Amino acid sequence: MTVPRFWREQASRYNLVGSHCKTCNEYFYPIRNLCPNCRRDGEMEQYKFKGNGEIVTYTITHTTSDEFNDLVPYTLAIVKLDEGPCLTTQIVDEPEKADIGKRVHSVFRKLGSDGEDGILYYGTKFELDK
């Protein structure tokens, strides 16, 4: 990821910001400028999601590139936010605790870095509700 792109996407990455169409009352993640339902008739606004949802499906990754070896095994899931949109995310709890239908909430965690001495990238991941 390039540094300019990182800073351009900072608001949505750190705040789980998407869009809401005032016309049809649908929510979208990531941000959309045009409602796919209403097209040009839709009135879009930015929306900060609350960060709560449930696991729709998931997989446990046991093998990955050398860059992410310290993470395996880890859970990658599709989470449906309470407002409606689905997103792909990492679940930070132990993989054996993940299950379809379990409630989750967003947390702020390290996403990666540009090498050992490079910029650290942080953003939203999810953890199971206690």
Protein backbone atom coordinates (compact mmCIF):
# COMPACT_ATOMS: atom_id res chain seq x y z
CA MET A 1 0.00 0.00 0.00
CA THR A 2 1.34 3.42 -0.87
CA VAL A 3 1.56 6.16 1.74
CA PRO A 4 -0.75 8.62 -0.15
CA ARG A 5 -3.44 5.93 -0.50
CA PHE A 6 -3.10 5.08 3.18
CA TRP A 7 -3.76 8.67 4.25
CA ARG A 8 -6.58 9.10 1.71
CA GLU A 9 -8.39 6.09 3.19
CA GLN A 10 -7.63 6.96 6.81
CA ALA A 11 -11.12 8.17 7.80
CA SER A 12 -12.88 4.99 6.66
CA ARG A 13 -10.10 2.71 7.92
CA TYR A 14 -10.00 4.16 11.44
CA ASN A 15 -13.66 5.00 11.88
CA LEU A 16 -15.58 2.34 9.91
CA VAL A 17 -17.19 5.02 7.75
CA GLY A 18 -19.53 4.12 4.92
CA SER A 19 -22.55 5.64 3.23
CA HIS A 20 -26.26 5.93 3.86
CA CYS A 21 -28.84 6.66 1.16
CA LYS A 22 -31.50 8.95 2.60
CA THR A 23 -33.82 8.06 -0.28
CA CYS A 24 -34.03 4.26 0.17
CA ASN A 25 -32.54 4.07 3.70
CA GLU A 26 -29.84 1.53 2.69
CA TYR A 27 -26.35 1.50 4.23
CA PHE A 28 -23.15 0.71 2.32
CA TYR A 29 -19.57 -0.14 3.18
CA PRO A 30 -17.15 1.04 1.94
CA ILE A 31 -18.20 4.59 1.02
CA ARG A 32 -20.22 4.95 -2.17
CA ASN A 33 -20.92 8.15 -4.05
CA LEU A 34 -23.93 6.71 -5.88
CA CYS A 35 -26.70 4.50 -4.48
CA PRO A 36 -26.93 1.28 -6.53
CA ASN A 37 -30.68 1.18 -5.83
CA CYS A 38 -31.71 4.77 -6.48
CA ARG A 39 -28.93 5.75 -8.89
CA ARG A 40 -28.98 9.51 -9.50
CA ASP A 41 -32.16 9.99 -7.46
CA GLY A 42 -30.45 8.84 -4.27
CA GLU A 43 -29.24 11.31 -1.68
CA MET A 44 -26.04 9.93 -0.15
CA GLU A 45 -24.43 10.92 3.14
CA GLN A 46 -21.43 9.62 5.06
CA TYR A 47 -22.30 7.32 7.93
CA LYS A 48 -20.13 6.11 10.82
CA PHE A 49 -21.10 2.52 11.65
CA LYS A 50 -21.47 1.53 15.28
CA GLY A 51 -19.20 -1.47 14.69
CA ASN A 52 -21.50 -4.21 15.96
CA GLY A 53 -22.60 -7.24 13.98
CA GLU A 54 -22.50 -11.01 13.60
CA ILE A 55 -20.40 -13.57 11.81
CA VAL A 56 -22.10 -14.76 8.59
CA THR A 57 -19.34 -17.18 7.58
CA TYR A 58 -15.66 -17.67 8.33
CA THR A 59 -12.53 -19.62 7.51
CA ILE A 60 -9.44 -20.39 9.55
CA THR A 61 -6.16 -19.73 7.78
CA HIS A 62 -3.29 -22.06 8.73
CA THR A 63 -0.80 -21.24 5.95
CA THR A 64 0.18 -17.84 4.62
CA SER A 65 3.09 -15.86 3.23
CA ASP A 66 6.19 -15.29 5.35
CA GLU A 67 5.01 -11.73 6.06
CA PHE A 68 2.03 -13.01 8.09
CA ASN A 69 3.48 -16.21 9.61
CA ASP A 70 3.30 -14.75 13.12
CA LEU A 71 -0.51 -14.52 12.76
CA VAL A 72 -1.39 -18.12 11.81
CA PRO A 73 -3.72 -19.62 12.56
CA TYR A 74 -6.18 -16.74 12.27
CA THR A 75 -9.86 -16.31 11.46
CA LEU A 76 -11.06 -14.43 8.42
CA ALA A 77 -14.80 -13.76 8.47
CA ILE A 78 -17.63 -12.04 6.70
CA VAL A 79 -19.38 -9.91 9.28
CA LYS A 80 -22.84 -8.45 8.73
CA LEU A 81 -23.05 -5.11 10.51
CA ASP A 82 -26.25 -4.34 12.42
CA GLU A 83 -26.98 -1.60 9.87
CA GLY A 84 -26.93 -4.16 7.03
CA PRO A 85 -23.67 -4.14 5.04
CA CYS A 86 -21.29 -7.10 5.07
CA LEU A 87 -17.51 -6.80 5.17
CA THR A 88 -14.55 -9.15 5.21
CA THR A 89 -12.44 -8.84 8.33
CA GLN A 90 -10.13 -10.63 10.70
CA ILE A 91 -11.50 -11.92 14.01
CA VAL A 92 -8.81 -11.37 16.66
CA ASP A 93 -9.95 -14.08 19.11
CA GLU A 94 -8.69 -17.67 19.09
CA PRO A 95 -9.91 -19.40 15.92
CA GLU A 96 -11.72 -22.19 17.77
CA LYS A 97 -14.04 -19.61 19.40
CA ALA A 98 -15.42 -18.32 16.08
CA ASP A 99 -18.80 -19.60 14.89
CA ILE A 100 -21.55 -18.54 12.53
CA GLY A 101 -24.07 -16.27 14.26
CA LYS A 102 -21.73 -15.13 17.04
CA ARG A 103 -21.89 -11.44 17.89
CA VAL A 104 -18.81 -9.28 17.30
CA HIS A 105 -17.70 -5.68 17.72
CA SER A 106 -15.02 -3.61 16.05
CA VAL A 107 -11.60 -3.05 17.60
CA PHE A 108 -8.58 -1.01 16.56
CA ARG A 109 -5.56 -3.20 15.73
CA LYS A 110 -2.35 -3.33 13.70
CA LEU A 111 -3.00 -4.30 10.06
CA GLY A 112 0.59 -4.46 8.84
CA SER A 113 3.75 -2.51 8.10
CA ASP A 114 6.07 -1.47 5.30
CA GLY A 115 8.94 -3.72 6.34
CA GLU A 116 10.74 -3.86 9.66
CA ASP A 117 11.55 -0.15 9.72
CA GLY A 118 8.55 1.13 7.74
CA ILE A 119 5.23 2.71 8.58
CA LEU A 120 2.85 0.70 10.78
CA TYR A 121 -0.74 0.53 9.51
CA TYR A 122 -3.63 0.31 11.95
CA GLY A 123 -7.31 -0.19 11.32
CA THR A 124 -10.49 -2.05 12.18
CA LYS A 125 -10.69 -5.73 13.00
CA PHE A 126 -13.40 -7.49 15.04
CA GLU A 127 -13.53 -9.49 18.25
CA LEU A 128 -16.20 -11.70 19.77
CA ASP A 129 -18.60 -10.16 22.26
CA LYS A 130 -18.01 -11.46 25.77
